[in-house]
Amino acid sequence: MAEEEVLVVGYQPEGGRERWPVVARVAPHVVVLRADPEELGEIARHARLAMARSPDGSVDVRGEQGALDELDEGARLYVRAWRERPAAKPDRPGEGLAWDHPGFQPPDRPPN
């Protein structure tokens, strides 16, 4: 079971207890939860709208699409960015290496 993120709008945890850890909170109505995308249906029962990204990069949406129209501009921008972000980071040369790693040249230093 992979732990991923699920974005919800209008989340009302059952009994006030949050079963899934909150990763981010935007305004009072948008919350990103750490949860398995397979739990989307159950999460959606506690929210007006819930979204999860599939491994292929598509976004599964459950609930009222109109809930997005009721958000302020900043929250709508956050939701749009969350939906459109790439599923994986692009492969970059030197990713994760120390600046002084043998054979690695920092991008701002010209070669000798």
N, C-alpha and C. Protein backbone atom coordinates (compact mmCIF):
# COMPACT_ATOMS: atom_id res chain seq x y z
N MET A 1 0.84 -1.18 0.00
CA MET A 1 0.00 0.00 0.00
C MET A 1 0.89 1.24 0.00
N ALA A 2 0.89 1.99 -1.09
CA ALA A 2 1.72 3.18 -1.23
C ALA A 2 1.04 4.37 -0.56
N GLU A 3 1.79 5.11 0.20
CA GLU A 3 1.26 6.31 0.82
C GLU A 3 1.46 7.47 -0.16
N GLU A 4 0.39 8.08 -0.55
CA GLU A 4 0.41 9.19 -1.49
C GLU A 4 -0.39 10.34 -0.89
N GLU A 5 -0.72 11.30 -1.73
CA GLU A 5 -1.52 12.44 -1.28
C GLU A 5 -2.90 12.41 -1.90
N VAL A 6 -3.87 12.83 -1.13
CA VAL A 6 -5.24 13.01 -1.60
C VAL A 6 -5.64 14.43 -1.23
N LEU A 7 -6.10 15.21 -2.22
CA LEU A 7 -6.54 16.57 -1.97
C LEU A 7 -8.05 16.56 -1.76
N VAL A 8 -8.51 17.24 -0.72
CA VAL A 8 -9.95 17.28 -0.43
C VAL A 8 -10.41 18.72 -0.22
N VAL A 9 -11.64 18.96 -0.60
CA VAL A 9 -12.28 20.26 -0.39
C VAL A 9 -13.48 20.02 0.52
N GLY A 10 -13.58 20.82 1.56
CA GLY A 10 -14.70 20.68 2.50
C GLY A 10 -14.61 19.42 3.34
N TYR A 11 -13.43 19.10 3.80
CA TYR A 11 -13.19 17.88 4.58
C TYR A 11 -13.77 18.00 5.97
N GLN A 12 -14.57 17.02 6.36
CA GLN A 12 -15.14 16.94 7.71
C GLN A 12 -14.78 15.59 8.30
N PRO A 13 -13.69 15.49 9.06
CA PRO A 13 -13.30 14.19 9.63
C PRO A 13 -14.40 13.61 10.51
N GLU A 14 -14.53 12.31 10.46
CA GLU A 14 -15.56 11.61 11.23
C GLU A 14 -15.30 11.79 12.72
N GLY A 15 -16.27 12.30 13.41
CA GLY A 15 -16.15 12.50 14.86
C GLY A 15 -15.10 13.53 15.23
N GLY A 16 -14.67 14.36 14.26
CA GLY A 16 -13.65 15.37 14.53
C GLY A 16 -12.24 14.81 14.60
N ARG A 17 -12.09 13.48 14.47
CA ARG A 17 -10.75 12.87 14.52
C ARG A 17 -10.27 12.65 13.10
N GLU A 18 -9.03 13.04 12.86
CA GLU A 18 -8.46 12.89 11.53
C GLU A 18 -7.77 11.54 11.42
N ARG A 19 -8.31 10.69 10.56
CA ARG A 19 -7.75 9.35 10.36
C ARG A 19 -6.48 9.40 9.52
N TRP A 20 -6.44 10.35 8.57
CA TRP A 20 -5.30 10.48 7.68
C TRP A 20 -4.53 11.75 8.06
N PRO A 21 -3.21 11.67 8.13
CA PRO A 21 -2.42 12.86 8.50
C PRO A 21 -2.57 13.98 7.47
N VAL A 22 -2.66 15.20 7.97
CA VAL A 22 -2.76 16.38 7.10
C VAL A 22 -1.35 16.79 6.70
N VAL A 23 -1.13 16.89 5.38
CA VAL A 23 0.17 17.30 4.85
C VAL A 23 0.19 18.81 4.62
N ALA A 24 -0.94 19.36 4.15
CA ALA A 24 -1.03 20.80 3.88
C ALA A 24 -2.47 21.24 4.08
N ARG A 25 -2.61 22.50 4.47
CA ARG A 25 -3.94 23.09 4.63
C ARG A 25 -3.90 24.45 3.94
N VAL A 26 -4.84 24.65 3.02
CA VAL A 26 -4.91 25.90 2.27
C VAL A 26 -6.27 26.52 2.55
N ALA A 27 -6.23 27.71 3.10
CA ALA A 27 -7.47 28.37 3.51
C ALA A 27 -8.21 27.41 4.44
N PRO A 28 -9.44 27.65 4.73
CA PRO A 28 -10.10 26.72 5.65
C PRO A 28 -10.71 25.50 4.97
N HIS A 29 -10.78 25.49 3.64
CA HIS A 29 -11.56 24.46 2.98
C HIS A 29 -10.76 23.42 2.19
N VAL A 30 -9.47 23.66 1.92
CA VAL A 30 -8.67 22.73 1.11
C VAL A 30 -7.62 22.09 2.00
N VAL A 31 -7.58 20.74 1.96
CA VAL A 31 -6.63 19.99 2.78
C VAL A 31 -6.01 18.91 1.92
N VAL A 32 -4.71 18.69 2.10
CA VAL A 32 -4.02 17.57 1.45
C VAL A 32 -3.72 16.55 2.53
N LEU A 33 -4.17 15.32 2.31
CA LEU A 33 -3.99 14.24 3.27
C LEU A 33 -2.97 13.24 2.77
N ARG A 34 -2.23 12.61 3.67
CA ARG A 34 -1.35 11.50 3.33
C ARG A 34 -2.22 10.26 3.41
N ALA A 35 -2.51 9.66 2.24
CA ALA A 35 -3.41 8.51 2.20
C ALA A 35 -3.17 7.71 0.93
N ASP A 36 -3.58 6.48 0.96
CA ASP A 36 -3.51 5.61 -0.21
C ASP A 36 -4.62 6.03 -1.17
N PRO A 37 -4.31 6.26 -2.45
CA PRO A 37 -5.34 6.64 -3.41
C PRO A 37 -6.49 5.63 -3.49
N GLU A 38 -6.25 4.38 -3.10
CA GLU A 38 -7.33 3.39 -3.10
C GLU A 38 -8.40 3.70 -2.04
N GLU A 39 -8.07 4.58 -1.09
CA GLU A 39 -9.03 4.97 -0.06
C GLU A 39 -9.85 6.20 -0.47
N LEU A 40 -9.71 6.61 -1.74
CA LEU A 40 -10.37 7.83 -2.21
C LEU A 40 -11.88 7.80 -1.96
N GLY A 41 -12.52 6.68 -2.24
CA GLY A 41 -13.96 6.59 -2.03
C GLY A 41 -14.35 6.85 -0.59
N GLU A 42 -13.63 6.26 0.34
CA GLU A 42 -13.92 6.47 1.76
C GLU A 42 -13.64 7.91 2.18
N ILE A 43 -12.54 8.47 1.69
CA ILE A 43 -12.21 9.86 2.02
C ILE A 43 -13.28 10.79 1.46
N ALA A 44 -13.75 10.51 0.25
CA ALA A 44 -14.75 11.37 -0.40
C ALA A 44 -16.05 11.42 0.40
N ARG A 45 -16.35 10.39 1.17
CA ARG A 45 -17.56 10.41 2.00
C ARG A 45 -17.49 11.47 3.10
N HIS A 46 -16.29 11.96 3.39
CA HIS A 46 -16.10 12.95 4.45
C HIS A 46 -15.74 14.33 3.88
N ALA A 47 -15.96 14.52 2.57
CA ALA A 47 -15.59 15.78 1.93
C ALA A 47 -16.57 16.08 0.80
N ARG A 48 -16.59 17.32 0.38
CA ARG A 48 -17.42 17.68 -0.77
C ARG A 48 -16.77 17.23 -2.07
N LEU A 49 -15.44 17.24 -2.11
CA LEU A 49 -14.69 16.87 -3.31
C LEU A 49 -13.37 16.25 -2.88
N ALA A 50 -12.97 15.17 -3.53
CA ALA A 50 -11.69 14.51 -3.21
C ALA A 50 -11.01 14.13 -4.52
N MET A 51 -9.68 14.25 -4.54
CA MET A 51 -8.88 13.94 -5.73
C MET A 51 -7.65 13.15 -5.34
N ALA A 52 -7.30 12.18 -6.19
CA ALA A 52 -6.07 11.40 -5.98
C ALA A 52 -5.42 11.18 -7.33
N ARG A 53 -4.10 11.18 -7.35
CA ARG A 53 -3.35 10.96 -8.58
C ARG A 53 -3.07 9.47 -8.74
N SER A 54 -3.35 8.95 -9.94
CA SER A 54 -3.07 7.56 -10.27
C SER A 54 -1.62 7.42 -10.66
N PRO A 55 -1.06 6.20 -10.64
CA PRO A 55 0.34 6.01 -11.04
C PRO A 55 0.62 6.48 -12.46
N ASP A 56 -0.39 6.47 -13.34
CA ASP A 56 -0.18 6.92 -14.71
C ASP A 56 -0.22 8.44 -14.85
N GLY A 57 -0.47 9.16 -13.74
CA GLY A 57 -0.48 10.61 -13.75
C GLY A 57 -1.87 11.21 -13.86
N SER A 58 -2.88 10.42 -14.17
CA SER A 58 -4.24 10.95 -14.25
C SER A 58 -4.76 11.22 -12.85
N VAL A 59 -5.77 12.08 -12.75
CA VAL A 59 -6.33 12.45 -11.46
C VAL A 59 -7.76 11.92 -11.38
N ASP A 60 -8.03 11.12 -10.35
CA ASP A 60 -9.37 10.58 -10.10
C ASP A 60 -10.09 11.57 -9.19
N VAL A 61 -11.25 12.03 -9.60
CA VAL A 61 -12.00 13.04 -8.86
C VAL A 61 -13.34 12.45 -8.44
N ARG A 62 -13.69 12.64 -7.17
CA ARG A 62 -14.98 12.18 -6.64
C ARG A 62 -15.65 13.34 -5.92
N GLY A 63 -16.93 13.53 -6.16
CA GLY A 63 -17.69 14.54 -5.44
C GLY A 63 -18.17 15.67 -6.31
N GLU A 64 -18.45 16.80 -5.67
CA GLU A 64 -19.04 17.97 -6.32
C GLU A 64 -17.97 18.85 -6.96
N GLN A 65 -17.92 18.88 -8.29
CA GLN A 65 -16.98 19.76 -8.98
C GLN A 65 -17.24 21.23 -8.65
N GLY A 66 -18.51 21.56 -8.38
CA GLY A 66 -18.87 22.94 -8.06
C GLY A 66 -18.23 23.46 -6.79
N ALA A 67 -17.71 22.57 -5.94
CA ALA A 67 -17.04 23.00 -4.71
C ALA A 67 -15.82 23.87 -5.03
N LEU A 68 -15.20 23.63 -6.18
CA LEU A 68 -14.03 24.44 -6.57
C LEU A 68 -14.43 25.88 -6.87
N ASP A 69 -15.62 26.08 -7.43
CA ASP A 69 -16.08 27.43 -7.77
C ASP A 69 -16.28 28.30 -6.54
N GLU A 70 -16.48 27.68 -5.40
CA GLU A 70 -16.74 28.43 -4.16
C GLU A 70 -15.46 28.82 -3.43
N LEU A 71 -14.30 28.35 -3.91
CA LEU A 71 -13.02 28.67 -3.27
C LEU A 71 -12.54 30.04 -3.71
N ASP A 72 -11.71 30.67 -2.87
CA ASP A 72 -11.12 31.94 -3.29
C ASP A 72 -10.05 31.67 -4.35
N GLU A 73 -9.59 32.72 -4.98
CA GLU A 73 -8.66 32.59 -6.11
C GLU A 73 -7.37 31.85 -5.72
N GLY A 74 -6.82 32.15 -4.55
CA GLY A 74 -5.59 31.50 -4.12
C GLY A 74 -5.76 30.00 -3.92
N ALA A 75 -6.88 29.59 -3.33
CA ALA A 75 -7.14 28.17 -3.13
C ALA A 75 -7.37 27.45 -4.45
N ARG A 76 -8.08 28.10 -5.39
CA ARG A 76 -8.29 27.49 -6.72
C ARG A 76 -6.96 27.32 -7.44
N LEU A 77 -6.07 28.31 -7.31
CA LEU A 77 -4.74 28.21 -7.93
C LEU A 77 -3.96 27.05 -7.34
N TYR A 78 -4.02 26.87 -6.02
CA TYR A 78 -3.34 25.76 -5.36
C TYR A 78 -3.86 24.42 -5.88
N VAL A 79 -5.19 24.28 -5.96
CA VAL A 79 -5.78 23.03 -6.44
C VAL A 79 -5.35 22.76 -7.88
N ARG A 80 -5.37 23.78 -8.72
CA ARG A 80 -4.95 23.61 -10.13
C ARG A 80 -3.49 23.17 -10.20
N ALA A 81 -2.62 23.80 -9.42
CA ALA A 81 -1.20 23.43 -9.42
C ALA A 81 -1.01 22.01 -8.91
N TRP A 82 -1.75 21.62 -7.88
CA TRP A 82 -1.64 20.26 -7.34
C TRP A 82 -2.05 19.24 -8.40
N ARG A 83 -3.12 19.53 -9.13
CA ARG A 83 -3.60 18.61 -10.17
C ARG A 83 -2.62 18.49 -11.33
N GLU A 84 -1.96 19.58 -11.68
CA GLU A 84 -1.12 19.62 -12.88
C GLU A 84 0.35 19.30 -12.64
N ARG A 85 0.74 19.12 -11.40
CA ARG A 85 2.16 18.85 -11.15
C ARG A 85 2.54 17.49 -11.76
N PRO A 86 3.78 17.37 -12.20
CA PRO A 86 4.19 16.09 -12.79
C PRO A 86 4.17 14.96 -11.78
N ALA A 87 3.91 13.76 -12.27
CA ALA A 87 3.87 12.59 -11.39
C ALA A 87 5.24 12.27 -10.82
N ALA A 88 6.29 12.57 -11.57
CA ALA A 88 7.66 12.30 -11.11
C ALA A 88 8.56 13.47 -11.51
N LYS A 89 9.60 13.68 -10.71
CA LYS A 89 10.56 14.72 -11.04
C LYS A 89 11.37 14.30 -12.26
N PRO A 90 11.73 15.25 -13.12
CA PRO A 90 12.56 14.89 -14.27
C PRO A 90 13.95 14.45 -13.82
N ASP A 91 14.56 13.57 -14.57
CA ASP A 91 15.91 13.11 -14.26
C ASP A 91 16.89 14.23 -14.58
N ARG A 92 17.65 14.67 -13.57
CA ARG A 92 18.60 15.76 -13.76
C ARG A 92 20.01 15.26 -13.46
N PRO A 93 20.98 15.66 -14.27
CA PRO A 93 22.36 15.24 -13.99
C PRO A 93 22.81 15.74 -12.62
N GLY A 94 23.41 14.89 -11.85
CA GLY A 94 23.93 15.27 -10.55
C GLY A 94 22.89 15.32 -9.44
N GLU A 95 21.66 14.90 -9.72
CA GLU A 95 20.61 14.94 -8.70
C GLU A 95 21.04 14.17 -7.45
N GLY A 96 21.03 14.84 -6.32
CA GLY A 96 21.34 14.20 -5.05
C GLY A 96 22.83 14.14 -4.72
N LEU A 97 23.69 14.57 -5.63
CA LEU A 97 25.13 14.54 -5.36
C LEU A 97 25.57 15.82 -4.66
N ALA A 98 26.64 15.72 -3.87
CA ALA A 98 27.23 16.89 -3.23
C ALA A 98 27.89 17.75 -4.31
N TRP A 99 27.97 19.05 -4.06
CA TRP A 99 28.58 19.95 -5.05
C TRP A 99 30.01 19.57 -5.37
N ASP A 100 30.72 18.97 -4.43
CA ASP A 100 32.12 18.64 -4.68
C ASP A 100 32.32 17.17 -5.05
N HIS A 101 31.27 16.47 -5.45
CA HIS A 101 31.36 15.06 -5.84
C HIS A 101 32.26 14.93 -7.07
N PRO A 102 33.18 13.95 -7.10
CA PRO A 102 34.07 13.79 -8.25
C PRO A 102 33.28 13.65 -9.56
N GLY A 103 33.68 14.42 -10.55
CA GLY A 103 33.04 14.36 -11.86
C GLY A 103 31.80 15.23 -11.98
N PHE A 104 31.38 15.84 -10.89
CA PHE A 104 30.19 16.68 -10.95
C PHE A 104 30.61 18.14 -10.95
N GLN A 105 30.10 18.91 -11.87
CA GLN A 105 30.41 20.33 -11.98
C GLN A 105 29.17 21.14 -11.62
N PRO A 106 29.24 22.01 -10.62
CA PRO A 106 28.06 22.83 -10.30
C PRO A 106 27.64 23.64 -11.53
N PRO A 107 26.37 23.92 -11.68
CA PRO A 107 25.90 24.59 -12.88
C PRO A 107 26.41 26.02 -13.05
N ASP A 108 26.82 26.67 -11.95
CA ASP A 108 27.28 28.06 -12.07
C ASP A 108 28.79 28.21 -12.18
N ARG A 109 29.53 27.11 -12.14
CA ARG A 109 30.99 27.18 -12.23
C ARG A 109 31.44 26.70 -13.61
N PRO A 110 32.19 27.55 -14.34
CA PRO A 110 32.66 27.11 -15.66
C PRO A 110 33.72 26.02 -15.52
N PRO A 111 33.82 25.14 -16.50
CA PRO A 111 34.83 24.07 -16.43
C PRO A 111 36.24 24.65 -16.41
N ASN A 112 37.17 23.93 -15.80
CA ASN A 112 38.57 24.39 -15.72
C ASN A 112 39.25 24.34 -17.07
